Amino acid sequence: MRRIFFSTLVLWMVCAGTQTAFAKPSREVFGLRLGMSEESVHKRMRKIATQQKEEREEEEGGEQEVWILKKDARYNYLLTKFSREHSLILVTVVAHPSSVRYSDLGETKDATVATDGINYSYKWKIPAQGKEKPVLLIARGSNAEFLNSYSLYLSR
């Protein structure tokens, strides 16, 4: 009876969109993947967010944008950064306070954890997949349980 209940609970959590403790870090956030074209990113983001700011980066030749999410209980806004070739090279997502746990992103035991007692950082390496390059997912926060933000970067 307990096993059936537990299996049903896990299945319900997966179907409800809640990540369980068995979650693997994702190379995708809000339908965005590193390497996407700027045009594809804009098409996706216009459905779920409002562009707040855009600025060119003189040194690197790319640009950076801030998008305010329209209706998301967990996340407030995200930052996108493009190369001079207009390819997505960085995504940073900023969470609402105390709404996203590090463990929501992936198994914390699989992450490299760093803290100075005030700030926390969890880093997952996501291996290359097909033609896609390896990715780093780095979550940061000032709380041992809840993150403030996380970023996806191309790994070298």
C-alpha atoms as a PDB file:
ATOM      1  CA  MET A   1       0.000   0.000   0.000  1.00  0.00           C
ATOM      2  CA  ARG A   2       2.814   2.440   0.909  1.00  0.00           C
ATOM      3  CA  ARG A   3       4.691   1.679  -2.302  1.00  0.00           C
ATOM      4  CA  ILE A   4       1.579   2.373  -4.408  1.00  0.00           C
ATOM      5  CA  PHE A   5       0.976   5.652  -2.547  1.00  0.00           C
ATOM      6  CA  PHE A   6       4.602   6.760  -2.993  1.00  0.00           C
ATOM      7  CA  SER A   7       4.582   5.839  -6.703  1.00  0.00           C
ATOM      8  CA  THR A   8       1.324   7.732  -7.194  1.00  0.00           C
ATOM      9  CA  LEU A   9       2.736  10.765  -5.359  1.00  0.00           C
ATOM     10  CA  VAL A  10       5.894  10.818  -7.490  1.00  0.00           C
ATOM     11  CA  LEU A  11       3.834  10.408 -10.679  1.00  0.00           C
ATOM     12  CA  TRP A  12       1.511  13.246  -9.585  1.00  0.00           C
ATOM     13  CA  MET A  13       4.498  15.521  -8.857  1.00  0.00           C
ATOM     14  CA  VAL A  14       6.014  14.816 -12.279  1.00  0.00           C
ATOM     15  CA  CYS A  15       2.701  15.394 -14.063  1.00  0.00           C
ATOM     16  CA  ALA A  16       2.088  18.591 -12.089  1.00  0.00           C
ATOM     17  CA  GLY A  17       5.414  19.949 -13.319  1.00  0.00           C
ATOM     18  CA  THR A  18       7.105  19.782  -9.937  1.00  0.00           C
ATOM     19  CA  GLN A  19      10.644  18.537 -10.135  1.00  0.00           C
ATOM     20  CA  THR A  20      11.465  15.757  -7.752  1.00  0.00           C
ATOM     21  CA  ALA A  21      14.729  15.043  -5.986  1.00  0.00           C
ATOM     22  CA  PHE A  22      15.634  12.910  -9.017  1.00  0.00           C
ATOM     23  CA  ALA A  23      15.813  15.932 -11.366  1.00  0.00           C
ATOM     24  CA  LYS A  24      18.758  16.390 -13.717  1.00  0.00           C
ATOM     25  CA  PRO A  25      19.929  19.930 -14.456  1.00  0.00           C
ATOM     26  CA  SER A  26      18.447  21.192 -17.721  1.00  0.00           C
ATOM     27  CA  ARG A  27      20.274  22.923 -20.548  1.00  0.00           C
ATOM     28  CA  GLU A  28      17.013  24.745 -21.344  1.00  0.00           C
ATOM     29  CA  VAL A  29      15.205  27.557 -19.529  1.00  0.00           C
ATOM     30  CA  PHE A  30      11.791  28.910 -20.597  1.00  0.00           C
ATOM     31  CA  GLY A  31      12.287  27.185 -23.962  1.00  0.00           C
ATOM     32  CA  LEU A  32      15.651  28.894 -24.542  1.00  0.00           C
ATOM     33  CA  ARG A  33      18.810  26.947 -25.361  1.00  0.00           C
ATOM     34  CA  LEU A  34      22.301  28.333 -25.664  1.00  0.00           C
ATOM     35  CA  GLY A  35      23.260  28.749 -29.304  1.00  0.00           C
ATOM     36  CA  MET A  36      19.741  29.798 -30.411  1.00  0.00           C
ATOM     37  CA  SER A  37      19.505  32.716 -32.813  1.00  0.00           C
ATOM     38  CA  GLU A  38      18.522  36.114 -31.437  1.00  0.00           C
ATOM     39  CA  GLU A  39      15.431  36.034 -33.657  1.00  0.00           C
ATOM     40  CA  SER A  40      14.302  32.677 -32.198  1.00  0.00           C
ATOM     41  CA  VAL A  41      14.886  33.928 -28.645  1.00  0.00           C
ATOM     42  CA  HIS A  42      12.810  37.059 -29.302  1.00  0.00           C
ATOM     43  CA  LYS A  43       9.979  35.027 -30.812  1.00  0.00           C
ATOM     44  CA  ARG A  44       9.837  32.802 -27.713  1.00  0.00           C
ATOM     45  CA  MET A  45      10.271  35.595 -25.171  1.00  0.00           C
ATOM     46  CA  ARG A  46       7.549  37.856 -26.625  1.00  0.00           C
ATOM     47  CA  LYS A  47       5.035  35.137 -25.693  1.00  0.00           C
ATOM     48  CA  ILE A  48       5.988  35.041 -22.007  1.00  0.00           C
ATOM     49  CA  ALA A  49       7.740  38.317 -21.188  1.00  0.00           C
ATOM     50  CA  THR A  50       8.116  42.018 -21.920  1.00  0.00           C
ATOM     51  CA  GLN A  51      11.479  43.357 -22.991  1.00  0.00           C
ATOM     52  CA  GLN A  52      12.611  45.922 -20.457  1.00  0.00           C
ATOM     53  CA  LYS A  53      16.068  46.892 -21.654  1.00  0.00           C
ATOM     54  CA  GLU A  54      18.565  46.265 -24.447  1.00  0.00           C
ATOM     55  CA  GLU A  55      22.152  47.437 -24.559  1.00  0.00           C
ATOM     56  CA  ARG A  56      25.102  46.844 -26.827  1.00  0.00           C
ATOM     57  CA  GLU A  57      28.368  45.672 -25.357  1.00  0.00           C
ATOM     58  CA  GLU A  58      31.129  47.603 -27.049  1.00  0.00           C
ATOM     59  CA  GLU A  59      34.034  45.394 -25.925  1.00  0.00           C
ATOM     60  CA  GLU A  60      32.563  42.039 -26.902  1.00  0.00           C
ATOM     61  CA  GLY A  61      30.435  43.227 -29.809  1.00  0.00           C
ATOM     62  CA  GLY A  62      27.273  41.479 -28.626  1.00  0.00           C
ATOM     63  CA  GLU A  63      24.239  42.721 -26.782  1.00  0.00           C
ATOM     64  CA  GLN A  64      22.400  42.099 -23.542  1.00  0.00           C
ATOM     65  CA  GLU A  65      18.642  42.211 -22.883  1.00  0.00           C
ATOM     66  CA  VAL A  66      16.435  42.178 -19.801  1.00  0.00           C
ATOM     67  CA  TRP A  67      13.015  40.504 -20.018  1.00  0.00           C
ATOM     68  CA  ILE A  68      10.316  40.817 -17.304  1.00  0.00           C
ATOM     69  CA  LEU A  69       8.254  37.631 -17.105  1.00  0.00           C
ATOM     70  CA  LYS A  70       4.505  38.234 -17.421  1.00  0.00           C
ATOM     71  CA  LYS A  71       3.051  35.544 -15.170  1.00  0.00           C
ATOM     72  CA  ASP A  72       5.456  33.365 -13.253  1.00  0.00           C
ATOM     73  CA  ALA A  73       5.110  32.605  -9.552  1.00  0.00           C
ATOM     74  CA  ARG A  74       8.722  31.486  -9.193  1.00  0.00           C
ATOM     75  CA  TYR A  75      10.779  33.753 -11.437  1.00  0.00           C
ATOM     76  CA  ASN A  76      10.778  37.534 -11.852  1.00  0.00           C
ATOM     77  CA  TYR A  77      12.918  38.294 -14.892  1.00  0.00           C
ATOM     78  CA  LEU A  78      15.722  37.015 -17.051  1.00  0.00           C
ATOM     79  CA  LEU A  79      18.761  38.382 -18.774  1.00  0.00           C
ATOM     80  CA  THR A  80      19.897  37.203 -22.199  1.00  0.00           C
ATOM     81  CA  LYS A  81      23.302  37.837 -23.734  1.00  0.00           C
ATOM     82  CA  PHE A  82      24.173  37.404 -27.399  1.00  0.00           C
ATOM     83  CA  SER A  83      27.453  37.099 -29.263  1.00  0.00           C
ATOM     84  CA  ARG A  84      28.337  39.455 -32.091  1.00  0.00           C
ATOM     85  CA  GLU A  85      27.037  36.675 -34.372  1.00  0.00           C
ATOM     86  CA  HIS A  86      23.586  37.074 -32.682  1.00  0.00           C
ATOM     87  CA  SER A  87      23.747  33.684 -30.978  1.00  0.00           C
ATOM     88  CA  LEU A  88      22.563  33.187 -27.375  1.00  0.00           C
ATOM     89  CA  ILE A  89      25.613  32.699 -25.128  1.00  0.00           C
ATOM     90  CA  LEU A  90      24.202  33.332 -21.620  1.00  0.00           C
ATOM     91  CA  VAL A  91      20.872  33.222 -19.817  1.00  0.00           C
ATOM     92  CA  THR A  92      20.440  34.368 -16.218  1.00  0.00           C
ATOM     93  CA  VAL A  93      17.111  33.875 -14.444  1.00  0.00           C
ATOM     94  CA  VAL A  94      16.247  35.839 -11.286  1.00  0.00           C
ATOM     95  CA  ALA A  95      13.878  34.167  -8.825  1.00  0.00           C
ATOM     96  CA  HIS A  96      11.265  35.654  -6.543  1.00  0.00           C
ATOM     97  CA  PRO A  97      12.497  35.483  -2.916  1.00  0.00           C
ATOM     98  CA  SER A  98      12.232  32.052  -1.264  1.00  0.00           C
ATOM     99  CA  SER A  99      10.494  30.456  -4.240  1.00  0.00           C
ATOM    100  CA  VAL A 100      13.129  28.254  -5.896  1.00  0.00           C
ATOM    101  CA  ARG A 101      15.333  25.728  -4.121  1.00  0.00           C
ATOM    102  CA  TYR A 102      18.740  24.685  -5.409  1.00  0.00           C
ATOM    103  CA  SER A 103      17.371  21.139  -5.415  1.00  0.00           C
ATOM    104  CA  ASP A 104      14.663  22.225  -7.895  1.00  0.00           C
ATOM    105  CA  LEU A 105      17.410  22.539 -10.516  1.00  0.00           C
ATOM    106  CA  GLY A 106      19.102  19.206  -9.910  1.00  0.00           C
ATOM    107  CA  GLU A 107      20.543  16.800  -7.382  1.00  0.00           C
ATOM    108  CA  THR A 108      22.549  18.982  -5.008  1.00  0.00           C
ATOM    109  CA  LYS A 109      24.862  16.040  -4.280  1.00  0.00           C
ATOM    110  CA  ASP A 110      25.918  16.180  -7.956  1.00  0.00           C
ATOM    111  CA  ALA A 111      26.781  19.886  -7.775  1.00  0.00           C
ATOM    112  CA  THR A 112      30.016  21.552  -6.782  1.00  0.00           C
ATOM    113  CA  VAL A 113      29.045  23.667  -3.774  1.00  0.00           C
ATOM    114  CA  ALA A 114      30.872  26.723  -2.504  1.00  0.00           C
ATOM    115  CA  THR A 115      30.010  29.078   0.358  1.00  0.00           C
ATOM    116  CA  ASP A 116      31.636  31.721   2.472  1.00  0.00           C
ATOM    117  CA  GLY A 117      28.875  31.326   5.073  1.00  0.00           C
ATOM    118  CA  ILE A 118      26.898  34.219   3.585  1.00  0.00           C
ATOM    119  CA  ASN A 119      26.727  33.468  -0.139  1.00  0.00           C
ATOM    120  CA  TYR A 120      26.137  30.077  -1.739  1.00  0.00           C
ATOM    121  CA  SER A 121      26.949  28.729  -5.178  1.00  0.00           C
ATOM    122  CA  TYR A 122      25.930  25.408  -6.756  1.00  0.00           C
ATOM    123  CA  LYS A 123      27.543  24.432 -10.061  1.00  0.00           C
ATOM    124  CA  TRP A 124      26.452  21.586 -12.319  1.00  0.00           C
ATOM    125  CA  LYS A 125      28.294  20.513 -15.463  1.00  0.00           C
ATOM    126  CA  ILE A 126      25.881  19.357 -18.145  1.00  0.00           C
ATOM    127  CA  PRO A 127      27.690  17.179 -20.705  1.00  0.00           C
ATOM    128  CA  ALA A 128      27.622  17.757 -24.460  1.00  0.00           C
ATOM    129  CA  GLN A 129      24.559  16.331 -26.145  1.00  0.00           C
ATOM    130  CA  GLY A 130      24.581  15.637 -29.878  1.00  0.00           C
ATOM    131  CA  LYS A 131      25.864  18.772 -31.608  1.00  0.00           C
ATOM    132  CA  GLU A 132      25.336  20.913 -28.496  1.00  0.00           C
ATOM    133  CA  LYS A 133      28.348  21.911 -26.429  1.00  0.00           C
ATOM    134  CA  PRO A 134      28.678  21.226 -22.688  1.00  0.00           C
ATOM    135  CA  VAL A 135      26.900  23.724 -20.439  1.00  0.00           C
ATOM    136  CA  LEU A 136      27.514  25.055 -16.930  1.00  0.00           C
ATOM    137  CA  LEU A 137      24.527  25.765 -14.717  1.00  0.00           C
ATOM    138  CA  ILE A 138      25.479  27.978 -11.784  1.00  0.00           C
ATOM    139  CA  ALA A 139      22.938  28.862  -9.089  1.00  0.00           C
ATOM    140  CA  ARG A 140      23.670  31.597  -6.556  1.00  0.00           C
ATOM    141  CA  GLY A 141      21.988  32.837  -3.428  1.00  0.00           C
ATOM    142  CA  SER A 142      22.333  34.263   0.032  1.00  0.00           C
ATOM    143  CA  ASN A 143      20.353  31.416   1.591  1.00  0.00           C
ATOM    144  CA  ALA A 144      21.443  27.807   2.088  1.00  0.00           C
ATOM    145  CA  GLU A 145      18.159  26.462   0.660  1.00  0.00           C
ATOM    146  CA  PHE A 146      16.762  29.048  -1.784  1.00  0.00           C
ATOM    147  CA  LEU A 147      18.541  30.591  -4.747  1.00  0.00           C
ATOM    148  CA  ASN A 148      18.432  34.208  -5.928  1.00  0.00           C
ATOM    149  CA  SER A 149      19.391  33.451  -9.545  1.00  0.00           C
ATOM    150  CA  TYR A 150      20.933  30.924 -11.850  1.00  0.00           C
ATOM    151  CA  SER A 151      22.792  31.133 -15.140  1.00  0.00           C
ATOM    152  CA  LEU A 152      23.497  28.878 -18.088  1.00  0.00           C
ATOM    153  CA  TYR A 153      26.884  29.316 -19.791  1.00  0.00           C
ATOM    154  CA  LEU A 154      28.646  27.430 -22.539  1.00  0.00           C
ATOM    155  CA  SER A 155      31.367  25.319 -20.953  1.00  0.00           C
ATOM    156  CA  ARG A 156      34.879  25.154 -22.383  1.00  0.00           C
END
